[in-house]
Amino acid sequence: MKKHIIKFKIISLFLLCLIFLTSCRSSLNEHILAEEVIEGISRIVLIQKERDPGFKYITNLSTNSYNPKWSPNKQYFSFISEKNNTKNLWISDNEGINLRLISNNFGNVIHYDWSPDSKEIAIEFESKKKYSNIYLYNLESETFLPITRADKKANLGSWSPNNKWIVYTIENSIYISNPRGVNEIFLSEGLNPAWSPNGEYILFSKTNNDIRSIYIFQDIHKILENFTNYSEMSKENIKKIHPKEDINIIEAKWAYGGNKILYISDSNGNNEIYIHEIRNSKNNRLTNNEVNEKNLSWSERNKSIIFTSDAYGRGDIYKMNGDGSNQNIILNSNENFNQLDW
């Protein structure tokens, strides 16, 4: 009898711990990082809806801080801060208490992307000679590993979801590279490449006559498995999202694990949010108004979208379901919000 009681207590304690951890993880997933713009200067805000006050200022207006991002495991977040024409990368714990400067001698931080395992950050630096190069920063060892050659102007794209590859551009050409190897594979002409979460596609853009179109490179794993047939299959694997018309795309994000693409287009006169389904090539409009939406951010856990809208004359933060339903304002302010992540 005593053994059964002890066993019951152990199971109960385990379930309570599991519920606690799940609730903590769920509430943390609702935390939103935002860039608040006040008279042309940006600061980083951590929005915690379940707390009072509901938001916390991470930086002040003595520096221009922007591009906030969560690490994939939500244990850290990061942002770029600019002061005296110097742009540095900062990392913080998830509460915004312990901040760390990533010191470097490579130049200004232009762009960065967390590795899927949250242990490394790919960083694009711009030197005084205006060359852009990509380095890999390891959080534990605090060391840098060069990814691209110093004589090239490289622009960072993103990581592959398996943590093995990085996609980037050199001039107007897209390449994929193994950060710890020597392979550098040409993919296509284009810009702004982004790997899908399921690893099957790479999203990228091309601009022609001031119209920015988006494309996907399908079955990217075939290139990584078989280099010899790569040149033969590259053209047939490229698919334009709007093949029969020129639709200008302002921004685009992956959604639903890589099976859909969220994008903003001004094809109807103002910036509206749409979603593209890769399997059947359908495009659906999610917002319908006479103002501008921007700053898309997708939550895979919640299957929800946050974005900013000028519905009340400023960039307030809104949330809606992945199909455009249940639209709600999260935070309105006298100031504008940019660049969201959750």
C-alpha atoms as a PDB file:
ATOM      1  CA  MET A   1       0.000   0.000   0.000  1.00  0.00           C
ATOM      2  CA  LYS A   2       2.800   2.392   0.939  1.00  0.00           C
ATOM      3  CA  LYS A   3       4.555   1.668  -2.367  1.00  0.00           C
ATOM      4  CA  HIS A   4       1.400   2.641  -4.277  1.00  0.00           C
ATOM      5  CA  ILE A   5       1.086   5.889  -2.301  1.00  0.00           C
ATOM      6  CA  ILE A   6       4.741   6.802  -2.936  1.00  0.00           C
ATOM      7  CA  LYS A   7       4.338   5.955  -6.633  1.00  0.00           C
ATOM      8  CA  PHE A   8       1.182   8.097  -6.816  1.00  0.00           C
ATOM      9  CA  LYS A   9       2.965  11.043  -5.153  1.00  0.00           C
ATOM     10  CA  ILE A  10       5.914  10.777  -7.563  1.00  0.00           C
ATOM     11  CA  ILE A  11       3.592  10.727 -10.591  1.00  0.00           C
ATOM     12  CA  SER A  12       1.593  13.663  -9.218  1.00  0.00           C
ATOM     13  CA  LEU A  13       4.758  15.673  -8.603  1.00  0.00           C
ATOM     14  CA  PHE A  14       5.973  14.892 -12.133  1.00  0.00           C
ATOM     15  CA  LEU A  15       2.660  16.031 -13.643  1.00  0.00           C
ATOM     16  CA  LEU A  16       2.690  19.262 -11.632  1.00  0.00           C
ATOM     17  CA  CYS A  17       6.244  20.015 -12.804  1.00  0.00           C
ATOM     18  CA  LEU A  18       5.234  19.254 -16.379  1.00  0.00           C
ATOM     19  CA  ILE A  19       2.228  21.587 -16.171  1.00  0.00           C
ATOM     20  CA  PHE A  20       4.386  24.322 -14.652  1.00  0.00           C
ATOM     21  CA  LEU A  21       7.062  24.009 -17.333  1.00  0.00           C
ATOM     22  CA  THR A  22       4.455  23.957 -20.098  1.00  0.00           C
ATOM     23  CA  SER A  23       2.718  27.057 -18.747  1.00  0.00           C
ATOM     24  CA  CYS A  24       6.040  28.886 -18.430  1.00  0.00           C
ATOM     25  CA  ARG A  25       7.017  27.933 -21.965  1.00  0.00           C
ATOM     26  CA  SER A  26       3.595  28.968 -23.277  1.00  0.00           C
ATOM     27  CA  SER A  27       3.673  32.369 -21.566  1.00  0.00           C
ATOM     28  CA  LEU A  28       7.225  32.967 -22.736  1.00  0.00           C
ATOM     29  CA  ASN A  29       6.110  32.216 -26.284  1.00  0.00           C
ATOM     30  CA  GLU A  30       3.634  35.097 -25.981  1.00  0.00           C
ATOM     31  CA  HIS A  31       6.425  37.568 -25.228  1.00  0.00           C
ATOM     32  CA  ILE A  32       6.904  39.930 -28.142  1.00  0.00           C
ATOM     33  CA  LEU A  33      10.045  41.805 -29.070  1.00  0.00           C
ATOM     34  CA  ALA A  34       9.435  45.088 -30.848  1.00  0.00           C
ATOM     35  CA  GLU A  35      11.288  48.104 -32.129  1.00  0.00           C
ATOM     36  CA  GLU A  36       9.562  51.306 -30.977  1.00  0.00           C
ATOM     37  CA  VAL A  37      10.349  54.421 -33.015  1.00  0.00           C
ATOM     38  CA  ILE A  38      10.265  57.839 -31.342  1.00  0.00           C
ATOM     39  CA  GLU A  39      11.178  60.880 -33.444  1.00  0.00           C
ATOM     40  CA  GLY A  40      13.432  58.828 -35.697  1.00  0.00           C
ATOM     41  CA  ILE A  41      15.233  56.959 -32.875  1.00  0.00           C
ATOM     42  CA  SER A  42      14.450  53.292 -32.145  1.00  0.00           C
ATOM     43  CA  ARG A  43      14.546  51.400 -28.856  1.00  0.00           C
ATOM     44  CA  ILE A  44      13.873  47.748 -28.039  1.00  0.00           C
ATOM     45  CA  VAL A  45      10.730  46.869 -26.091  1.00  0.00           C
ATOM     46  CA  LEU A  46       9.886  43.501 -24.516  1.00  0.00           C
ATOM     47  CA  ILE A  47       6.105  43.093 -24.394  1.00  0.00           C
ATOM     48  CA  GLN A  48       4.941  40.686 -21.673  1.00  0.00           C
ATOM     49  CA  LYS A  49       1.156  40.613 -21.796  1.00  0.00           C
ATOM     50  CA  GLU A  50       0.647  38.626 -18.583  1.00  0.00           C
ATOM     51  CA  ARG A  51       2.566  41.155 -16.473  1.00  0.00           C
ATOM     52  CA  ASP A  52       1.928  44.637 -15.152  1.00  0.00           C
ATOM     53  CA  PRO A  53       3.340  46.768 -16.665  1.00  0.00           C
ATOM     54  CA  GLY A  54       2.905  44.883 -19.914  1.00  0.00           C
ATOM     55  CA  PHE A  55       6.141  46.036 -21.500  1.00  0.00           C
ATOM     56  CA  LYS A  56       9.738  46.630 -20.541  1.00  0.00           C
ATOM     57  CA  TYR A  57      12.265  48.960 -22.181  1.00  0.00           C
ATOM     58  CA  ILE A  58      15.474  47.076 -22.981  1.00  0.00           C
ATOM     59  CA  THR A  59      17.334  50.059 -24.440  1.00  0.00           C
ATOM     60  CA  ASN A  60      16.918  53.818 -24.136  1.00  0.00           C
ATOM     61  CA  LEU A  61      16.981  56.583 -26.714  1.00  0.00           C
ATOM     62  CA  SER A  62      20.683  57.371 -26.264  1.00  0.00           C
ATOM     63  CA  THR A  63      21.381  54.714 -28.916  1.00  0.00           C
ATOM     64  CA  ASN A  64      19.488  53.645 -32.011  1.00  0.00           C
ATOM     65  CA  SER A  65      18.523  49.993 -31.433  1.00  0.00           C
ATOM     66  CA  TYR A  66      16.694  47.783 -33.913  1.00  0.00           C
ATOM     67  CA  ASN A  67      16.222  44.323 -35.497  1.00  0.00           C
ATOM     68  CA  PRO A  68      15.302  42.370 -32.327  1.00  0.00           C
ATOM     69  CA  LYS A  69      15.178  38.561 -32.612  1.00  0.00           C
ATOM     70  CA  TRP A  70      14.509  35.656 -30.286  1.00  0.00           C
ATOM     71  CA  SER A  71      16.852  32.696 -30.285  1.00  0.00           C
ATOM     72  CA  PRO A  72      14.951  29.562 -31.429  1.00  0.00           C
ATOM     73  CA  ASN A  73      14.981  28.100 -27.891  1.00  0.00           C
ATOM     74  CA  LYS A  74      13.642  31.402 -26.488  1.00  0.00           C
ATOM     75  CA  GLN A  75      16.424  31.528 -23.884  1.00  0.00           C
ATOM     76  CA  TYR A  76      17.969  34.651 -25.416  1.00  0.00           C
ATOM     77  CA  PHE A  77      17.168  37.558 -27.643  1.00  0.00           C
ATOM     78  CA  SER A  78      19.418  39.884 -29.589  1.00  0.00           C
ATOM     79  CA  PHE A  79      19.399  43.233 -31.359  1.00  0.00           C
ATOM     80  CA  ILE A  80      21.645  45.695 -33.176  1.00  0.00           C
ATOM     81  CA  SER A  81      22.546  48.960 -31.463  1.00  0.00           C
ATOM     82  CA  GLU A  82      24.072  51.953 -33.248  1.00  0.00           C
ATOM     83  CA  LYS A  83      26.004  54.767 -31.584  1.00  0.00           C
ATOM     84  CA  ASN A  84      28.602  57.148 -33.048  1.00  0.00           C
ATOM     85  CA  ASN A  85      28.230  55.441 -36.446  1.00  0.00           C
ATOM     86  CA  THR A  86      29.202  52.066 -34.942  1.00  0.00           C
ATOM     87  CA  LYS A  87      26.757  49.144 -35.136  1.00  0.00           C
ATOM     88  CA  ASN A  88      27.162  46.325 -32.613  1.00  0.00           C
ATOM     89  CA  LEU A  89      25.266  43.148 -31.775  1.00  0.00           C
ATOM     90  CA  TRP A  90      23.931  42.628 -28.249  1.00  0.00           C
ATOM     91  CA  ILE A  91      22.592  39.456 -26.619  1.00  0.00           C
ATOM     92  CA  SER A  92      20.302  39.301 -23.582  1.00  0.00           C
ATOM     93  CA  ASP A  93      18.666  36.649 -21.449  1.00  0.00           C
ATOM     94  CA  ASN A  94      14.940  36.251 -22.065  1.00  0.00           C
ATOM     95  CA  GLU A  95      14.017  38.689 -19.292  1.00  0.00           C
ATOM     96  CA  GLY A  96      16.149  41.526 -20.627  1.00  0.00           C
ATOM     97  CA  ILE A  97      18.278  41.634 -17.455  1.00  0.00           C
ATOM     98  CA  ASN A  98      21.744  40.397 -18.448  1.00  0.00           C
ATOM     99  CA  LEU A  99      22.975  42.064 -21.642  1.00  0.00           C
ATOM    100  CA  ARG A 100      26.223  41.183 -23.403  1.00  0.00           C
ATOM    101  CA  LEU A 101      28.048  43.033 -26.174  1.00  0.00           C
ATOM    102  CA  ILE A 102      29.490  40.859 -28.957  1.00  0.00           C
ATOM    103  CA  SER A 103      32.871  42.526 -29.413  1.00  0.00           C
ATOM    104  CA  ASN A 104      34.526  42.303 -32.815  1.00  0.00           C
ATOM    105  CA  ASN A 105      37.166  43.865 -35.065  1.00  0.00           C
ATOM    106  CA  PHE A 106      35.402  43.168 -38.350  1.00  0.00           C
ATOM    107  CA  GLY A 107      33.251  46.290 -38.735  1.00  0.00           C
ATOM    108  CA  ASN A 108      29.595  47.224 -38.400  1.00  0.00           C
ATOM    109  CA  VAL A 109      26.936  44.561 -37.887  1.00  0.00           C
ATOM    110  CA  ILE A 110      24.498  44.714 -40.801  1.00  0.00           C
ATOM    111  CA  HIS A 111      22.443  41.549 -40.376  1.00  0.00           C
ATOM    112  CA  TYR A 112      22.439  38.338 -38.319  1.00  0.00           C
ATOM    113  CA  ASP A 113      20.608  35.032 -37.932  1.00  0.00           C
ATOM    114  CA  TRP A 114      20.447  32.565 -35.025  1.00  0.00           C
ATOM    115  CA  SER A 115      21.371  28.941 -35.695  1.00  0.00           C
ATOM    116  CA  PRO A 116      18.455  26.498 -35.199  1.00  0.00           C
ATOM    117  CA  ASP A 117      20.150  25.000 -32.105  1.00  0.00           C
ATOM    118  CA  SER A 118      20.625  28.506 -30.582  1.00  0.00           C
ATOM    119  CA  LYS A 119      24.347  27.870 -30.043  1.00  0.00           C
ATOM    120  CA  GLU A 120      25.701  30.091 -32.817  1.00  0.00           C
ATOM    121  CA  ILE A 121      24.887  33.260 -34.725  1.00  0.00           C
ATOM    122  CA  ALA A 122      25.748  33.964 -38.345  1.00  0.00           C
ATOM    123  CA  ILE A 123      26.679  37.659 -38.556  1.00  0.00           C
ATOM    124  CA  GLU A 124      27.161  39.901 -41.578  1.00  0.00           C
ATOM    125  CA  PHE A 125      29.799  42.577 -40.986  1.00  0.00           C
ATOM    126  CA  GLU A 126      30.598  45.563 -43.191  1.00  0.00           C
ATOM    127  CA  SER A 127      34.210  46.763 -43.129  1.00  0.00           C
ATOM    128  CA  LYS A 128      35.420  50.337 -43.565  1.00  0.00           C
ATOM    129  CA  LYS A 129      36.148  49.464 -47.200  1.00  0.00           C
ATOM    130  CA  LYS A 130      32.429  48.617 -47.585  1.00  0.00           C
ATOM    131  CA  TYR A 131      33.075  44.897 -48.047  1.00  0.00           C
ATOM    132  CA  SER A 132      30.461  42.667 -46.386  1.00  0.00           C
ATOM    133  CA  ASN A 133      31.536  39.331 -44.967  1.00  0.00           C
ATOM    134  CA  ILE A 134      29.807  36.629 -42.955  1.00  0.00           C
ATOM    135  CA  TYR A 135      31.238  35.130 -39.756  1.00  0.00           C
ATOM    136  CA  LEU A 136      29.990  32.443 -37.419  1.00  0.00           C
ATOM    137  CA  TYR A 137      29.926  33.408 -33.729  1.00  0.00           C
ATOM    138  CA  ASN A 138      29.895  30.659 -31.089  1.00  0.00           C
ATOM    139  CA  LEU A 139      28.122  31.676 -27.867  1.00  0.00           C
ATOM    140  CA  GLU A 140      30.015  29.266 -25.625  1.00  0.00           C
ATOM    141  CA  SER A 141      33.571  29.833 -26.861  1.00  0.00           C
ATOM    142  CA  GLU A 142      32.934  33.474 -27.895  1.00  0.00           C
ATOM    143  CA  THR A 143      34.945  32.895 -31.078  1.00  0.00           C
ATOM    144  CA  PHE A 144      34.414  33.812 -34.733  1.00  0.00           C
ATOM    145  CA  LEU A 145      34.754  31.595 -37.805  1.00  0.00           C
ATOM    146  CA  PRO A 146      34.843  33.208 -41.288  1.00  0.00           C
ATOM    147  CA  ILE A 147      32.282  31.861 -43.764  1.00  0.00           C
ATOM    148  CA  THR A 148      32.851  34.008 -46.859  1.00  0.00           C
ATOM    149  CA  ARG A 149      35.987  35.369 -48.509  1.00  0.00           C
ATOM    150  CA  ALA A 150      37.212  38.827 -47.546  1.00  0.00           C
ATOM    151  CA  ASP A 151      37.321  40.091 -51.135  1.00  0.00           C
ATOM    152  CA  LYS A 152      33.589  39.527 -51.740  1.00  0.00           C
ATOM    153  CA  LYS A 153      30.516  41.519 -50.787  1.00  0.00           C
ATOM    154  CA  ALA A 154      28.348  38.875 -49.142  1.00  0.00           C
ATOM    155  CA  ASN A 155      24.864  39.396 -47.711  1.00  0.00           C
ATOM    156  CA  LEU A 156      23.484  36.936 -45.172  1.00  0.00           C
ATOM    157  CA  GLY A 157      20.292  34.985 -45.827  1.00  0.00           C
ATOM    158  CA  SER A 158      19.480  32.296 -43.256  1.00  0.00           C
ATOM    159  CA  TRP A 159      20.333  28.870 -41.825  1.00  0.00           C
ATOM    160  CA  SER A 160      19.032  25.529 -43.014  1.00  0.00           C
ATOM    161  CA  PRO A 161      16.788  23.950 -40.341  1.00  0.00           C
ATOM    162  CA  ASN A 162      19.210  21.037 -39.857  1.00  0.00           C
ATOM    163  CA  ASN A 163      21.935  23.477 -38.751  1.00  0.00           C
ATOM    164  CA  LYS A 164      24.323  22.344 -41.523  1.00  0.00           C
ATOM    165  CA  TRP A 165      24.059  25.029 -44.216  1.00  0.00           C
ATOM    166  CA  ILE A 166      23.818  28.789 -44.644  1.00  0.00           C
ATOM    167  CA  VAL A 167      22.319  30.547 -47.660  1.00  0.00           C
ATOM    168  CA  TYR A 168      23.564  34.000 -48.681  1.00  0.00           C
ATOM    169  CA  THR A 169      24.108  36.240 -51.692  1.00  0.00           C
ATOM    170  CA  ILE A 170      27.229  37.608 -53.359  1.00  0.00           C
ATOM    171  CA  GLU A 171      26.287  40.513 -55.602  1.00  0.00           C
ATOM    172  CA  ASN A 172      23.105  39.227 -57.305  1.00  0.00           C
ATOM    173  CA  SER A 173      23.819  35.498 -56.951  1.00  0.00           C
ATOM    174  CA  ILE A 174      22.557  33.090 -54.291  1.00  0.00           C
ATOM    175  CA  TYR A 175      24.909  30.521 -52.762  1.00  0.00           C
ATOM    176  CA  ILE A 176      24.632  27.831 -50.113  1.00  0.00           C
ATOM    177  CA  SER A 177      27.625  26.871 -48.004  1.00  0.00           C
ATOM    178  CA  ASN A 178      28.585  24.442 -45.277  1.00  0.00           C
ATOM    179  CA  PRO A 179      29.924  26.753 -42.516  1.00  0.00           C
ATOM    180  CA  ARG A 180      32.592  24.239 -41.489  1.00  0.00           C
ATOM    181  CA  GLY A 181      33.367  22.870 -44.928  1.00  0.00           C
ATOM    182  CA  VAL A 182      34.589  24.144 -48.281  1.00  0.00           C
ATOM    183  CA  ASN A 183      31.540  23.659 -50.516  1.00  0.00           C
ATOM    184  CA  GLU A 184      30.023  26.844 -51.938  1.00  0.00           C
ATOM    185  CA  ILE A 185      27.199  26.002 -54.352  1.00  0.00           C
ATOM    186  CA  PHE A 186      25.617  28.483 -56.745  1.00  0.00           C
ATOM    187  CA  LEU A 187      21.829  28.286 -56.611  1.00  0.00           C
ATOM    188  CA  SER A 188      20.292  31.053 -58.719  1.00  0.00           C
ATOM    189  CA  GLU A 189      20.324  34.735 -59.436  1.00  0.00           C
ATOM    190  CA  GLY A 190      18.295  36.632 -56.834  1.00  0.00           C
ATOM    191  CA  LEU A 191      18.305  38.302 -53.420  1.00  0.00           C
ATOM    192  CA  ASN A 192      16.977  37.902 -49.852  1.00  0.00           C
ATOM    193  CA  PRO A 193      17.124  34.074 -49.612  1.00  0.00           C
ATOM    194  CA  ALA A 194      15.350  32.356 -46.699  1.00  0.00           C
ATOM    195  CA  TRP A 195      15.336  28.610 -45.992  1.00  0.00           C
ATOM    196  CA  SER A 196      11.953  27.026 -45.229  1.00  0.00           C
ATOM    197  CA  PRO A 197      11.506  25.466 -41.756  1.00  0.00           C
ATOM    198  CA  ASN A 198      10.884  22.037 -43.319  1.00  0.00           C
ATOM    199  CA  GLY A 199      14.130  22.259 -45.309  1.00  0.00           C
ATOM    200  CA  GLU A 200      12.449  21.677 -48.686  1.00  0.00           C
ATOM    201  CA  TYR A 201      12.565  25.176 -50.171  1.00  0.00           C
ATOM    202  CA  ILE A 202      14.496  28.408 -50.346  1.00  0.00           C
ATOM    203  CA  LEU A 203      12.480  31.586 -50.799  1.00  0.00           C
ATOM    204  CA  PHE A 204      14.108  34.480 -52.672  1.00  0.00           C
ATOM    205  CA  SER A 205      13.267  37.603 -54.654  1.00  0.00           C
ATOM    206  CA  LYS A 206      14.052  39.213 -57.991  1.00  0.00           C
ATOM    207  CA  THR A 207      13.344  42.795 -59.023  1.00  0.00           C
ATOM    208  CA  ASN A 208      12.466  43.809 -62.575  1.00  0.00           C
ATOM    209  CA  ASN A 209      11.183  47.269 -63.595  1.00  0.00           C
ATOM    210  CA  ASP A 210      10.710  48.167 -59.904  1.00  0.00           C
ATOM    211  CA  ILE A 211       8.486  45.094 -59.373  1.00  0.00           C
ATOM    212  CA  ARG A 212       9.799  42.763 -56.658  1.00  0.00           C
ATOM    213  CA  SER A 213       8.641  39.187 -57.296  1.00  0.00           C
ATOM    214  CA  ILE A 214       9.198  36.191 -55.033  1.00  0.00           C
ATOM    215  CA  TYR A 215      10.309  32.715 -56.065  1.00  0.00           C
ATOM    216  CA  ILE A 216      10.984  29.403 -54.375  1.00  0.00           C
ATOM    217  CA  PHE A 217      13.695  26.870 -55.146  1.00  0.00           C
ATOM    218  CA  GLN A 218      12.041  23.495 -54.634  1.00  0.00           C
ATOM    219  CA  ASP A 219      13.560  20.216 -53.389  1.00  0.00           C
ATOM    220  CA  ILE A 220      16.758  21.864 -52.200  1.00  0.00           C
ATOM    221  CA  HIS A 221      17.815  18.620 -50.493  1.00  0.00           C
ATOM    222  CA  LYS A 222      18.421  17.100 -53.953  1.00  0.00           C
ATOM    223  CA  ILE A 223      21.219  19.603 -54.547  1.00  0.00           C
ATOM    224  CA  LEU A 224      22.831  18.770 -51.242  1.00  0.00           C
ATOM    225  CA  GLU A 225      22.665  15.030 -51.952  1.00  0.00           C
ATOM    226  CA  ASN A 226      23.748  15.090 -55.594  1.00  0.00           C
ATOM    227  CA  PHE A 227      26.027  17.845 -56.878  1.00  0.00           C
ATOM    228  CA  THR A 228      26.572  16.304 -60.335  1.00  0.00           C
ATOM    229  CA  ASN A 229      23.025  16.847 -61.626  1.00  0.00           C
ATOM    230  CA  TYR A 230      22.650  20.231 -59.998  1.00  0.00           C
ATOM    231  CA  SER A 231      23.112  22.365 -63.130  1.00  0.00           C
ATOM    232  CA  GLU A 232      20.548  20.303 -65.038  1.00  0.00           C
ATOM    233  CA  MET A 233      17.759  20.531 -62.490  1.00  0.00           C
ATOM    234  CA  SER A 234      18.207  24.089 -61.208  1.00  0.00           C
ATOM    235  CA  LYS A 235      15.878  25.800 -63.703  1.00  0.00           C
ATOM    236  CA  GLU A 236      13.016  23.353 -63.380  1.00  0.00           C
ATOM    237  CA  ASN A 237      13.150  23.626 -59.589  1.00  0.00           C
ATOM    238  CA  ILE A 238      12.564  27.390 -59.591  1.00  0.00           C
ATOM    239  CA  LYS A 239       8.939  28.427 -59.217  1.00  0.00           C
ATOM    240  CA  LYS A 240       7.541  31.963 -59.328  1.00  0.00           C
ATOM    241  CA  ILE A 241       4.777  32.599 -56.797  1.00  0.00           C
ATOM    242  CA  HIS A 242       2.729  34.672 -59.272  1.00  0.00           C
ATOM    243  CA  PRO A 243       3.714  33.163 -62.641  1.00  0.00           C
ATOM    244  CA  LYS A 244       1.090  34.915 -64.785  1.00  0.00           C
ATOM    245  CA  GLU A 245       1.279  38.448 -63.405  1.00  0.00           C
ATOM    246  CA  ASP A 246       3.703  40.944 -61.906  1.00  0.00           C
ATOM    247  CA  ILE A 247       2.769  41.430 -58.243  1.00  0.00           C
ATOM    248  CA  ASN A 248       5.014  43.688 -56.167  1.00  0.00           C
ATOM    249  CA  ILE A 249       5.957  42.032 -52.862  1.00  0.00           C
ATOM    250  CA  ILE A 250       6.973  44.279 -49.951  1.00  0.00           C
ATOM    251  CA  GLU A 251       7.978  41.517 -47.516  1.00  0.00           C
ATOM    252  CA  ALA A 252       7.558  37.747 -47.149  1.00  0.00           C
ATOM    253  CA  LYS A 253       7.826  35.164 -44.345  1.00  0.00           C
ATOM    254  CA  TRP A 254       7.560  31.396 -44.071  1.00  0.00           C
ATOM    255  CA  ALA A 255       4.531  29.967 -42.232  1.00  0.00           C
ATOM    256  CA  TYR A 256       3.014  26.597 -41.317  1.00  0.00           C
ATOM    257  CA  GLY A 257       6.371  24.863 -41.147  1.00  0.00           C
ATOM    258  CA  GLY A 258       7.315  25.881 -44.674  1.00  0.00           C
ATOM    259  CA  ASN A 259       4.114  24.831 -46.454  1.00  0.00           C
ATOM    260  CA  LYS A 260       2.830  28.398 -46.825  1.00  0.00           C
ATOM    261  CA  ILE A 261       4.259  31.870 -47.386  1.00  0.00           C
ATOM    262  CA  LEU A 262       2.938  35.029 -45.773  1.00  0.00           C
ATOM    263  CA  TYR A 263       3.551  38.147 -47.806  1.00  0.00           C
ATOM    264  CA  ILE A 264       2.589  41.796 -48.073  1.00  0.00           C
ATOM    265  CA  SER A 265       1.751  43.322 -51.441  1.00  0.00           C
ATOM    266  CA  ASP A 266       0.692  46.788 -52.560  1.00  0.00           C
ATOM    267  CA  SER A 267      -0.955  45.487 -55.742  1.00  0.00           C
ATOM    268  CA  ASN A 268      -4.328  46.943 -54.695  1.00  0.00           C
ATOM    269  CA  GLY A 269      -3.026  50.391 -53.781  1.00  0.00           C
ATOM    270  CA  ASN A 270      -1.957  49.824 -50.178  1.00  0.00           C
ATOM    271  CA  ASN A 271      -0.014  47.194 -48.224  1.00  0.00           C
ATOM    272  CA  GLU A 272      -2.207  44.162 -47.481  1.00  0.00           C
ATOM    273  CA  ILE A 273      -1.375  40.717 -46.054  1.00  0.00           C
ATOM    274  CA  TYR A 274      -1.788  37.573 -48.166  1.00  0.00           C
ATOM    275  CA  ILE A 275      -0.916  33.899 -47.793  1.00  0.00           C
ATOM    276  CA  HIS A 276       0.322  31.536 -50.517  1.00  0.00           C
ATOM    277  CA  GLU A 277      -0.150  27.764 -50.312  1.00  0.00           C
ATOM    278  CA  ILE A 278       2.764  25.999 -51.978  1.00  0.00           C
ATOM    279  CA  ARG A 279       1.011  22.670 -52.665  1.00  0.00           C
ATOM    280  CA  ASN A 280      -1.901  24.110 -54.666  1.00  0.00           C
ATOM    281  CA  SER A 281      -0.469  27.564 -55.546  1.00  0.00           C
ATOM    282  CA  LYS A 282      -3.496  29.358 -54.077  1.00  0.00           C
ATOM    283  CA  ASN A 283      -3.230  32.936 -52.797  1.00  0.00           C
ATOM    284  CA  ASN A 284      -5.647  34.239 -50.169  1.00  0.00           C
ATOM    285  CA  ARG A 285      -6.008  37.781 -48.864  1.00  0.00           C
ATOM    286  CA  LEU A 286      -5.994  38.053 -45.053  1.00  0.00           C
ATOM    287  CA  THR A 287      -6.525  41.804 -44.502  1.00  0.00           C
ATOM    288  CA  ASN A 288      -8.796  44.184 -46.367  1.00  0.00           C
ATOM    289  CA  ASN A 289      -8.720  47.903 -45.597  1.00  0.00           C
ATOM    290  CA  GLU A 290      -7.393  51.226 -46.871  1.00  0.00           C
ATOM    291  CA  VAL A 291      -4.303  51.483 -44.653  1.00  0.00           C
ATOM    292  CA  ASN A 292      -0.867  49.848 -44.661  1.00  0.00           C
ATOM    293  CA  GLU A 293       0.127  46.639 -42.880  1.00  0.00           C
ATOM    294  CA  LYS A 294       3.773  45.640 -42.407  1.00  0.00           C
ATOM    295  CA  ASN A 295       6.314  43.924 -40.104  1.00  0.00           C
ATOM    296  CA  LEU A 296       4.998  40.366 -40.371  1.00  0.00           C
ATOM    297  CA  SER A 297       5.972  37.838 -37.711  1.00  0.00           C
ATOM    298  CA  TRP A 298       4.721  34.239 -37.606  1.00  0.00           C
ATOM    299  CA  SER A 299       4.387  32.016 -34.529  1.00  0.00           C
ATOM    300  CA  GLU A 300       4.541  28.329 -35.450  1.00  0.00           C
ATOM    301  CA  ARG A 301       3.448  27.306 -31.957  1.00  0.00           C
ATOM    302  CA  ASN A 302       0.357  29.528 -31.970  1.00  0.00           C
ATOM    303  CA  LYS A 303      -0.326  29.303 -35.745  1.00  0.00           C
ATOM    304  CA  SER A 304      -0.815  33.061 -35.490  1.00  0.00           C
ATOM    305  CA  ILE A 305       0.486  36.261 -37.057  1.00  0.00           C
ATOM    306  CA  ILE A 306       1.460  39.553 -35.486  1.00  0.00           C
ATOM    307  CA  PHE A 307       1.940  42.655 -37.591  1.00  0.00           C
ATOM    308  CA  THR A 308       1.708  46.420 -37.463  1.00  0.00           C
ATOM    309  CA  SER A 309      -1.079  48.439 -39.042  1.00  0.00           C
ATOM    310  CA  ASP A 310      -1.616  52.148 -39.622  1.00  0.00           C
ATOM    311  CA  ALA A 311      -5.345  51.804 -38.935  1.00  0.00           C
ATOM    312  CA  TYR A 312      -5.230  54.647 -36.389  1.00  0.00           C
ATOM    313  CA  GLY A 313      -2.526  56.692 -38.061  1.00  0.00           C
ATOM    314  CA  ARG A 314       0.440  54.944 -36.425  1.00  0.00           C
ATOM    315  CA  GLY A 315       2.064  51.502 -36.420  1.00  0.00           C
ATOM    316  CA  ASP A 316       0.134  49.671 -33.695  1.00  0.00           C
ATOM    317  CA  ILE A 317       0.609  45.926 -33.079  1.00  0.00           C
ATOM    318  CA  TYR A 318      -2.128  43.461 -34.062  1.00  0.00           C
ATOM    319  CA  LYS A 319      -2.590  39.702 -33.888  1.00  0.00           C
ATOM    320  CA  MET A 320      -4.680  37.356 -36.029  1.00  0.00           C
ATOM    321  CA  ASN A 321      -5.054  33.670 -36.814  1.00  0.00           C
ATOM    322  CA  GLY A 322      -3.261  32.142 -39.774  1.00  0.00           C
ATOM    323  CA  ASP A 323      -6.407  32.385 -41.896  1.00  0.00           C
ATOM    324  CA  GLY A 324      -6.911  36.087 -41.122  1.00  0.00           C
ATOM    325  CA  SER A 325      -9.677  35.544 -38.553  1.00  0.00           C
ATOM    326  CA  ASN A 326      -9.885  36.836 -34.970  1.00  0.00           C
ATOM    327  CA  GLN A 327      -8.013  40.100 -35.560  1.00  0.00           C
ATOM    328  CA  ASN A 328      -7.203  41.931 -32.309  1.00  0.00           C
ATOM    329  CA  ILE A 329      -5.067  44.887 -31.332  1.00  0.00           C
ATOM    330  CA  ILE A 330      -2.329  43.869 -28.887  1.00  0.00           C
ATOM    331  CA  LEU A 331      -0.765  47.217 -28.165  1.00  0.00           C
ATOM    332  CA  ASN A 332      -1.578  50.731 -29.257  1.00  0.00           C
ATOM    333  CA  SER A 333       0.713  53.632 -28.510  1.00  0.00           C
ATOM    334  CA  ASN A 334       1.381  57.222 -29.407  1.00  0.00           C
ATOM    335  CA  GLU A 335       4.522  55.964 -31.181  1.00  0.00           C
ATOM    336  CA  ASN A 336       5.194  53.614 -34.110  1.00  0.00           C
ATOM    337  CA  PHE A 337       6.352  50.005 -33.837  1.00  0.00           C
ATOM    338  CA  ASN A 338       8.649  48.236 -36.300  1.00  0.00           C
ATOM    339  CA  GLN A 339      10.278  44.806 -36.636  1.00  0.00           C
ATOM    340  CA  LEU A 340       8.430  42.334 -34.433  1.00  0.00           C
ATOM    341  CA  ASP A 341       9.425  38.867 -33.232  1.00  0.00           C
ATOM    342  CA  TRP A 342       7.711  36.359 -30.927  1.00  0.00           C
END
